[in-house]
Protein backbone atom coordinates (compact mmCIF):
# COMPACT_ATOMS: atom_id res chain seq x y z
CA MET A 1 0.39 -5.16 -27.27
CA ILE A 2 2.31 -4.70 -30.49
CA ARG A 3 5.14 -2.57 -28.86
CA TYR A 4 5.61 -5.17 -26.11
CA LEU A 5 6.31 -7.93 -28.64
CA LEU A 6 8.64 -5.85 -30.67
CA LYS A 7 10.51 -4.80 -27.52
CA PHE A 8 10.64 -8.35 -26.41
CA LEU A 9 12.72 -9.16 -29.31
CA LEU A 10 15.01 -6.23 -28.59
CA LEU A 11 15.24 -7.54 -25.03
CA THR A 12 16.66 -10.79 -26.16
CA LEU A 13 19.07 -9.28 -28.62
CA LEU A 14 20.18 -6.19 -26.73
CA LEU A 15 19.82 -7.29 -23.04
CA SER A 16 17.42 -4.60 -22.35
CA THR A 17 13.73 -4.60 -21.74
CA THR A 18 10.48 -2.90 -22.85
CA ALA A 19 7.90 -0.54 -21.87
CA CYS A 20 5.45 2.09 -23.11
CA ASP A 21 4.72 5.78 -23.20
CA LYS A 22 2.38 8.56 -22.26
CA SER A 23 0.87 12.01 -22.85
CA ASN A 24 -0.83 14.99 -21.48
CA ARG A 25 -2.24 14.75 -17.99
CA GLY A 26 -5.37 16.40 -17.19
CA GLY A 27 -6.99 17.25 -13.82
CA GLY A 28 -4.22 18.49 -11.74
CA LYS A 29 -1.10 18.10 -13.78
CA SER A 30 1.16 21.09 -13.83
CA THR A 31 0.72 23.19 -16.94
CA ASN A 32 4.55 23.75 -16.76
CA SER A 33 5.18 20.30 -18.60
CA PHE A 34 8.65 18.89 -18.84
CA ASN A 35 9.36 19.57 -22.42
CA LEU A 36 13.09 18.96 -22.57
CA LYS A 37 14.89 15.61 -22.14
CA SER A 38 17.16 17.35 -19.59
CA ALA A 39 14.26 18.80 -17.54
CA TYR A 40 12.50 15.91 -15.79
CA GLY A 41 11.77 15.37 -12.22
CA LYS A 42 12.91 11.97 -10.73
CA ILE A 43 10.75 10.61 -8.03
CA ASN A 44 11.84 11.13 -4.45
CA ALA A 45 10.05 8.53 -2.40
CA THR A 46 10.59 9.96 1.10
CA LYS A 47 9.34 13.40 0.09
CA ALA A 48 6.24 11.83 -1.72
CA VAL A 49 5.34 9.68 1.36
CA ASN A 50 5.86 12.50 3.78
CA GLU A 51 3.59 14.69 1.66
CA ALA A 52 1.03 11.98 1.42
CA LEU A 53 0.97 11.65 5.16
CA ASN A 54 0.57 15.44 5.48
CA LEU A 55 -2.57 15.31 3.39
CA ARG A 56 -4.19 12.77 5.64
CA SER A 57 -7.49 14.11 7.08
CA SER A 58 -7.19 12.21 10.33
CA THR A 59 -4.27 12.81 12.60
CA ARG A 60 -1.73 9.94 12.53
CA ALA A 61 1.40 9.90 14.51
CA LYS A 62 4.42 9.55 12.23
CA THR A 63 5.83 6.05 12.79
CA SER A 64 9.60 5.21 12.60
CA HIS A 65 10.32 1.65 11.57
CA ASP A 66 13.86 0.25 11.86
CA ILE A 67 15.03 -0.60 8.34
CA ALA A 68 17.78 -2.92 9.33
CA ASP A 69 15.74 -5.85 8.11
CA ILE A 70 15.78 -4.40 4.63
CA LYS A 71 19.41 -3.54 4.63
CA ASN A 72 20.19 -7.14 5.57
CA GLU A 73 18.55 -8.45 2.47
CA PRO A 74 21.51 -10.17 0.64
CA TYR A 75 21.53 -8.16 -2.55
CA TYR A 76 20.33 -4.85 -1.08
CA LYS A 77 23.84 -3.46 -1.43
CA TYR A 78 23.42 -3.53 -5.25
CA ALA A 79 20.08 -1.53 -5.07
CA TRP A 80 21.62 1.88 -6.02
CA HIS A 81 18.21 2.79 -7.34
CA PHE A 82 16.92 2.90 -3.84
CA ALA A 83 19.75 4.39 -1.80
CA HIS A 84 23.43 5.27 -2.16
CA ASN A 85 26.16 2.78 -1.50
CA GLU A 86 29.56 4.35 -1.57
CA GLU A 87 31.49 1.17 -2.45
CA LEU A 88 29.20 0.30 -5.26
CA ALA A 89 29.17 3.80 -6.52
CA SER A 90 32.85 4.13 -6.64
CA GLN A 91 33.17 0.88 -8.45
CA TYR A 92 30.62 1.62 -11.24
CA GLY A 93 30.61 5.31 -11.35
CA ILE A 94 27.11 5.81 -9.75
CA ASP A 95 26.01 9.26 -8.94
CA LYS A 96 25.25 9.83 -5.23
CA ASN A 97 21.75 11.20 -6.16
CA ALA A 98 20.91 8.65 -8.79
CA ASN A 99 18.70 6.83 -6.25
CA ILE A 100 15.08 7.69 -5.26
CA HIS A 101 15.97 8.25 -1.52
CA ILE A 102 13.44 5.61 -0.30
CA GLU A 103 14.88 4.63 3.08
CA GLY A 104 13.09 7.60 4.87
CA ALA A 105 9.80 6.42 3.31
CA TRP A 106 10.44 2.87 4.60
CA GLU A 107 10.66 4.24 8.10
CA ILE A 108 7.05 5.29 7.76
CA THR A 109 5.46 2.41 5.76
CA ARG A 110 6.19 -0.63 3.62
CA GLY A 111 3.06 -0.62 1.60
CA GLU A 112 0.97 -2.51 3.89
CA GLY A 113 -2.77 -2.86 2.84
CA VAL A 114 -2.24 -1.87 -0.75
CA VAL A 115 -2.97 -4.21 -3.87
CA VAL A 116 -0.87 -3.50 -6.92
CA ALA A 117 -1.83 -5.21 -10.25
CA VAL A 118 0.66 -5.98 -12.87
CA ILE A 119 -0.72 -6.54 -16.39
CA ASP A 120 1.78 -8.21 -18.72
CA ALA A 121 1.91 -10.25 -21.92
CA SER A 122 4.62 -12.54 -20.90
CA TYR A 123 4.69 -15.33 -18.30
CA PHE A 124 5.06 -14.76 -14.56
CA ASP A 125 7.36 -16.81 -12.44
CA TRP A 126 5.06 -16.20 -9.58
CA GLU A 127 6.69 -18.90 -7.46
CA HIS A 128 9.99 -17.19 -7.55
CA GLU A 129 11.62 -17.33 -4.15
CA ASP A 130 11.61 -13.55 -3.94
CA LEU A 131 8.10 -13.04 -5.14
CA ARG A 132 5.54 -15.74 -4.09
CA GLU A 133 5.13 -14.42 -0.48
CA ASN A 134 3.40 -11.27 -1.81
CA VAL A 135 1.41 -12.79 -4.66
CA MET A 136 -2.15 -12.48 -3.58
CA MET A 137 -3.83 -13.69 -6.81
CA THR A 138 -2.94 -14.68 -10.41
CA TYR A 139 -5.23 -14.45 -13.45
CA ASN A 140 -4.92 -15.39 -17.13
CA SER A 141 -7.15 -12.94 -18.86
CA ASP A 142 -7.04 -14.87 -22.20
CA GLU A 143 -7.95 -18.25 -20.82
CA ASP A 144 -10.06 -16.98 -17.86
CA ASN A 145 -8.07 -19.15 -15.37
CA ASN A 146 -5.16 -18.62 -13.00
CA HIS A 147 -2.48 -20.10 -15.25
CA ILE A 148 0.17 -17.51 -15.66
CA SER A 149 3.48 -19.50 -15.45
CA ASN A 150 5.19 -21.54 -18.04
CA ASN A 151 5.94 -24.12 -15.38
CA GLY A 152 9.46 -24.69 -16.68
CA GLU A 153 8.18 -26.01 -20.03
CA SER A 154 9.96 -23.39 -22.22
CA ASP A 155 12.56 -20.72 -22.03
CA GLU A 156 10.05 -18.03 -22.79
CA HIS A 157 10.63 -14.96 -20.80
CA SER A 158 8.74 -13.96 -17.61
CA HIS A 159 9.12 -10.25 -18.01
CA GLY A 160 6.03 -9.77 -15.82
CA SER A 161 7.73 -11.36 -12.75
CA THR A 162 10.82 -9.11 -13.08
CA VAL A 163 8.45 -6.17 -13.19
CA ALA A 164 6.58 -7.44 -10.15
CA GLY A 165 9.72 -7.82 -8.24
CA PHE A 166 10.54 -4.12 -8.38
CA ILE A 167 7.15 -3.43 -6.76
CA ALA A 168 6.95 -5.99 -4.06
CA SER A 169 9.69 -8.42 -3.50
CA PRO A 170 9.29 -9.19 0.17
CA ILE A 171 11.67 -8.79 3.11
CA ASN A 172 12.57 -12.47 3.50
CA GLN A 173 16.46 -12.76 3.83
CA LYS A 174 16.56 -13.83 0.09
CA GLY A 175 17.86 -11.75 -2.78
CA LEU A 176 16.58 -8.22 -2.95
CA VAL A 177 13.64 -6.18 -1.88
CA GLY A 178 10.83 -4.19 -3.87
CA ALA A 179 9.85 -0.60 -3.32
CA ALA A 180 6.73 -1.68 -1.32
CA PRO A 181 7.90 -4.89 0.20
CA LYS A 182 4.62 -5.47 2.20
CA ALA A 183 2.18 -4.52 -0.57
CA LYS A 184 0.34 -7.45 -2.21
CA LEU A 185 0.37 -8.36 -5.92
CA LEU A 186 -2.33 -9.25 -8.41
CA LEU A 187 -0.52 -10.73 -11.50
CA ILE A 188 -2.55 -10.68 -14.72
CA ARG A 189 -1.28 -12.28 -18.00
CA GLN A 190 -2.89 -10.76 -21.06
CA VAL A 191 -1.65 -11.70 -24.56
CA ASP A 192 -4.77 -10.93 -26.52
CA SER A 193 -4.28 -7.21 -27.64
CA SER A 194 -7.86 -6.61 -28.65
CA ASP A 195 -9.72 -3.82 -27.01
CA SER A 196 -12.18 -6.23 -25.22
CA ALA A 197 -9.40 -8.25 -23.89
CA THR A 198 -7.46 -5.22 -22.69
CA ILE A 199 -10.49 -3.75 -21.00
CA LYS A 200 -11.28 -7.09 -19.34
CA ALA A 201 -7.85 -7.36 -17.81
CA PHE A 202 -8.07 -3.77 -16.38
CA GLU A 203 -11.51 -4.39 -15.05
CA TYR A 204 -10.40 -7.53 -13.34
CA ALA A 205 -7.72 -5.64 -11.58
CA ARG A 206 -10.30 -3.10 -10.43
CA ASP A 207 -12.84 -5.67 -9.33
CA ASN A 208 -10.20 -7.47 -7.16
CA GLY A 209 -9.12 -4.61 -5.22
CA ALA A 210 -6.18 -3.12 -7.05
CA ARG A 211 -5.35 0.60 -6.11
CA VAL A 212 -2.40 0.67 -8.52
CA ILE A 213 -1.94 -0.94 -11.88
CA ASN A 214 1.43 -1.16 -13.53
CA CYS A 215 1.83 -1.59 -17.30
CA SER A 216 5.38 -2.00 -18.69
CA TRP A 217 4.16 -2.13 -22.26
CA GLY A 218 2.26 -0.01 -24.84
CA THR A 219 0.97 0.02 -28.32
CA ASN A 220 1.66 3.57 -29.65
CA SER A 221 -1.91 3.60 -30.87
CA VAL A 222 -4.41 3.51 -28.10
CA SER A 223 -8.04 3.19 -29.10
CA GLU A 224 -10.82 5.40 -27.91
CA GLY A 225 -12.48 2.46 -26.14
CA VAL A 226 -9.42 1.62 -24.11
CA ALA A 227 -8.84 5.37 -23.35
CA THR A 228 -12.37 5.65 -22.03
CA ALA A 229 -11.92 2.53 -19.89
CA LEU A 230 -8.73 3.88 -18.40
CA LEU A 231 -10.41 7.20 -17.50
CA ASP A 232 -13.17 5.31 -15.86
CA LEU A 233 -10.56 3.42 -13.72
CA LYS A 234 -9.02 6.68 -12.70
CA ASP A 235 -12.42 8.02 -11.73
CA ASP A 236 -12.74 4.93 -9.59
CA GLY A 237 -9.60 5.92 -7.64
CA ILE A 238 -7.08 3.72 -9.31
CA THR A 239 -3.60 5.03 -10.24
CA ILE A 240 -2.39 3.65 -13.52
CA ILE A 241 1.30 3.63 -14.35
CA PHE A 242 2.64 3.18 -17.87
CA ALA A 243 6.35 3.12 -18.95
CA THR A 244 7.42 5.37 -21.76
CA GLY A 245 9.42 3.01 -24.00
CA ASN A 246 12.99 2.40 -24.91
CA GLU A 247 13.29 3.74 -28.46
CA SER A 248 15.03 7.12 -27.55
CA GLN A 249 12.06 8.78 -29.31
CA ASP A 250 10.22 12.07 -28.92
CA MET A 251 6.76 11.18 -27.88
CA ASP A 252 5.46 14.55 -29.12
CA ASP A 253 5.47 13.10 -32.67
CA GLU A 254 1.92 13.68 -33.95
CA PHE A 255 1.63 10.01 -35.07
CA ILE A 256 2.25 8.57 -31.61
CA ASN A 257 -0.84 8.12 -29.52
CA ASP A 258 0.17 5.78 -26.72
CA GLU A 259 -1.56 4.66 -23.59
CA SER A 260 1.05 6.35 -21.47
CA GLU A 261 0.04 9.69 -23.07
CA LEU A 262 -3.47 9.70 -21.78
CA PRO A 263 -4.66 12.03 -19.03
CA SER A 264 -5.63 9.08 -16.96
CA VAL A 265 -2.20 7.68 -16.76
CA ILE A 266 1.05 8.59 -15.17
CA GLY A 267 3.94 8.03 -17.68
CA VAL A 268 7.44 7.21 -16.45
CA GLY A 269 10.64 7.43 -18.24
CA ALA A 270 14.06 6.01 -17.13
CA THR A 271 17.28 7.47 -15.55
CA ASP A 272 20.64 5.94 -15.35
CA GLU A 273 23.43 5.59 -12.91
CA SER A 274 24.72 9.03 -13.83
CA ASN A 275 21.37 10.50 -12.60
CA LYS A 276 20.38 11.56 -16.11
CA VAL A 277 17.64 10.52 -18.37
CA ALA A 278 18.83 7.20 -19.87
CA HIS A 279 19.75 7.38 -23.56
CA TYR A 280 17.16 4.79 -24.55
CA SER A 281 14.25 6.42 -22.69
CA ASN A 282 11.49 7.98 -24.73
CA TYR A 283 10.69 11.46 -23.84
CA GLY A 284 8.38 14.39 -24.44
CA ARG A 285 6.55 17.33 -23.00
CA ASN A 286 3.80 15.07 -21.59
CA ILE A 287 6.00 12.60 -19.76
CA ASP A 288 5.25 13.06 -16.02
CA LEU A 289 8.28 11.69 -14.26
CA VAL A 290 11.43 9.54 -14.49
CA ALA A 291 12.71 6.88 -12.24
CA PRO A 292 15.86 4.58 -12.28
CA GLY A 293 15.89 2.23 -15.09
CA GLY A 294 19.75 1.70 -15.30
CA ASN A 295 22.22 1.47 -18.26
CA LEU A 296 23.52 -2.06 -18.63
CA ASN A 297 26.11 -1.06 -21.24
CA GLN A 298 27.71 1.85 -19.51
CA SER A 299 27.41 0.82 -15.83
CA ILE A 300 26.16 -2.02 -13.64
CA GLY A 301 22.44 -1.90 -14.79
CA ILE A 302 19.58 -2.28 -12.37
CA LEU A 303 19.14 -5.49 -10.36
CA GLY A 304 15.90 -7.35 -10.40
CA LEU A 305 14.42 -10.81 -10.53
CA ASP A 306 15.78 -12.86 -13.43
CA ASP A 307 13.08 -13.36 -16.03
CA ILE A 308 13.72 -16.99 -16.55
CA GLY A 309 14.49 -17.80 -12.94
CA GLU A 310 17.35 -20.23 -12.50
CA ARG A 311 17.99 -20.43 -16.23
CA GLY A 312 19.73 -17.05 -16.03
CA SER A 313 18.65 -14.99 -19.16
CA TYR A 314 20.44 -11.61 -18.51
CA THR A 315 23.71 -11.07 -16.80
CA GLN A 316 24.65 -11.95 -13.16
CA ARG A 317 28.01 -10.28 -13.45
CA SER A 318 29.36 -13.20 -11.27
CA ILE A 319 27.99 -11.42 -8.14
CA VAL A 320 24.34 -12.65 -7.98
CA ASP A 321 22.82 -16.14 -8.57
CA ASP A 322 20.65 -17.05 -11.45
CA ASN A 323 17.39 -16.15 -9.77
CA TYR A 324 18.41 -12.46 -10.29
CA ALA A 325 19.96 -10.36 -12.96
CA PHE A 326 21.14 -6.91 -14.12
CA SER A 327 19.24 -5.36 -16.80
CA ASN A 328 17.82 -1.94 -17.90
CA GLY A 329 14.66 -0.34 -19.29
CA THR A 330 11.68 1.88 -18.61
CA SER A 331 9.81 -1.36 -17.87
CA PHE A 332 11.57 -1.24 -14.54
CA ALA A 333 11.29 2.54 -13.92
CA ALA A 334 7.49 2.15 -14.09
CA PRO A 335 7.10 -0.46 -11.31
CA ILE A 336 9.58 1.29 -9.00
CA THR A 337 7.20 4.28 -9.30
CA ALA A 338 4.16 2.04 -8.74
CA GLY A 339 5.81 0.75 -5.65
CA VAL A 340 6.23 4.26 -4.32
CA VAL A 341 2.59 5.01 -5.07
CA ALA A 342 1.69 1.89 -2.91
CA LEU A 343 3.81 3.41 -0.08
CA MET A 344 1.89 6.72 -0.51
CA LEU A 345 -1.44 4.92 -0.45
CA SER A 346 -0.51 2.90 2.52
CA ALA A 347 0.38 6.14 4.38
CA ASN A 348 -2.79 7.83 3.22
CA PRO A 349 -5.55 5.60 1.68
CA ASN A 350 -7.60 8.56 0.77
CA LEU A 351 -5.37 9.94 -1.91
CA THR A 352 -6.89 10.40 -5.28
CA PRO A 353 -4.93 9.57 -8.57
CA ASN A 354 -4.69 13.35 -9.21
CA GLN A 355 -3.32 14.03 -5.81
CA ILE A 356 -0.80 11.18 -6.23
CA ARG A 357 0.39 12.48 -9.60
CA ASP A 358 0.75 16.04 -8.17
CA ILE A 359 2.67 14.94 -5.20
CA LEU A 360 4.98 12.85 -7.25
CA ILE A 361 5.65 15.73 -9.68
CA ASN A 362 5.97 18.42 -6.97
CA THR A 363 8.22 16.43 -4.76
CA ALA A 364 10.50 15.13 -7.50
CA ASP A 365 14.20 15.99 -7.73
CA LYS A 366 14.94 17.92 -10.94
CA ILE A 367 17.62 16.29 -13.08
């Protein structure tokens, strides 16, 4: 996880976070790849979930849940990445279409019955007030136990818990809410970057019921062994999400061979509050999608769980407490996408990874 470690330093210095990248998608990806930084599709959650439901083989009446409980979450008003808020938008210059239009999807499902795994090299603050309710299982792949927290013993970051919160922070009258607030989380800490350790972490996610795996990291040099393992996971029906990275770099460079460029993976870049591809987001003809990642320097940034809990590592802007923070990065665009995939699978458990990718791309809003 070389890239993760390098970005982690940048996170501390520049108040931004990390991620990874991706390449050509086989088996169902449109041949009309997005080959310009200004020609991507940003996920549209409601359209994606509706299309997932339309493909369901058995007839299911379309449900309509009241989403007042979500709107009543204390910090939901700052979630410009989910839905438009006129007051916030006027204050911070947020485009009315910068969000992923998720509220219509929540009327159908909240992600019930879907397990999402998060693999990360950092600690997880899994007992965070806005996370623990949805944590199904924890696993330390290096030590072969369930110890993934620093237990307050150091100031080391818990990047993984921030990522997990964007997927499945619950509806609990505390803080914010994740894209799939009733999905369950399998949190895996993996620091050892060897092929065997990486494959072990992914196989653990599969063996314990994960239908979606989020990876907000990458190496820029994926091995054949890991690539084969990821393809096997896709063949087992698991959708794997990788972020594209934060170096403003063209991923079509012949010397870049990242996990996120594999045919078995959905690669996600970041957009900002102006509804454009974020300046830091890596890009290239093989990036599948973009999703909100925010721009902390030019606008409000994207609100998530703070990565050192009550110590407060990023910026609270004097409007949220130290358990939460505004930041930016493709690290957060990826889990927002993973949460939407969980909503899709909750609406239609029979979707294949290829179908999921096609739906996400074909229902995306071009920006």
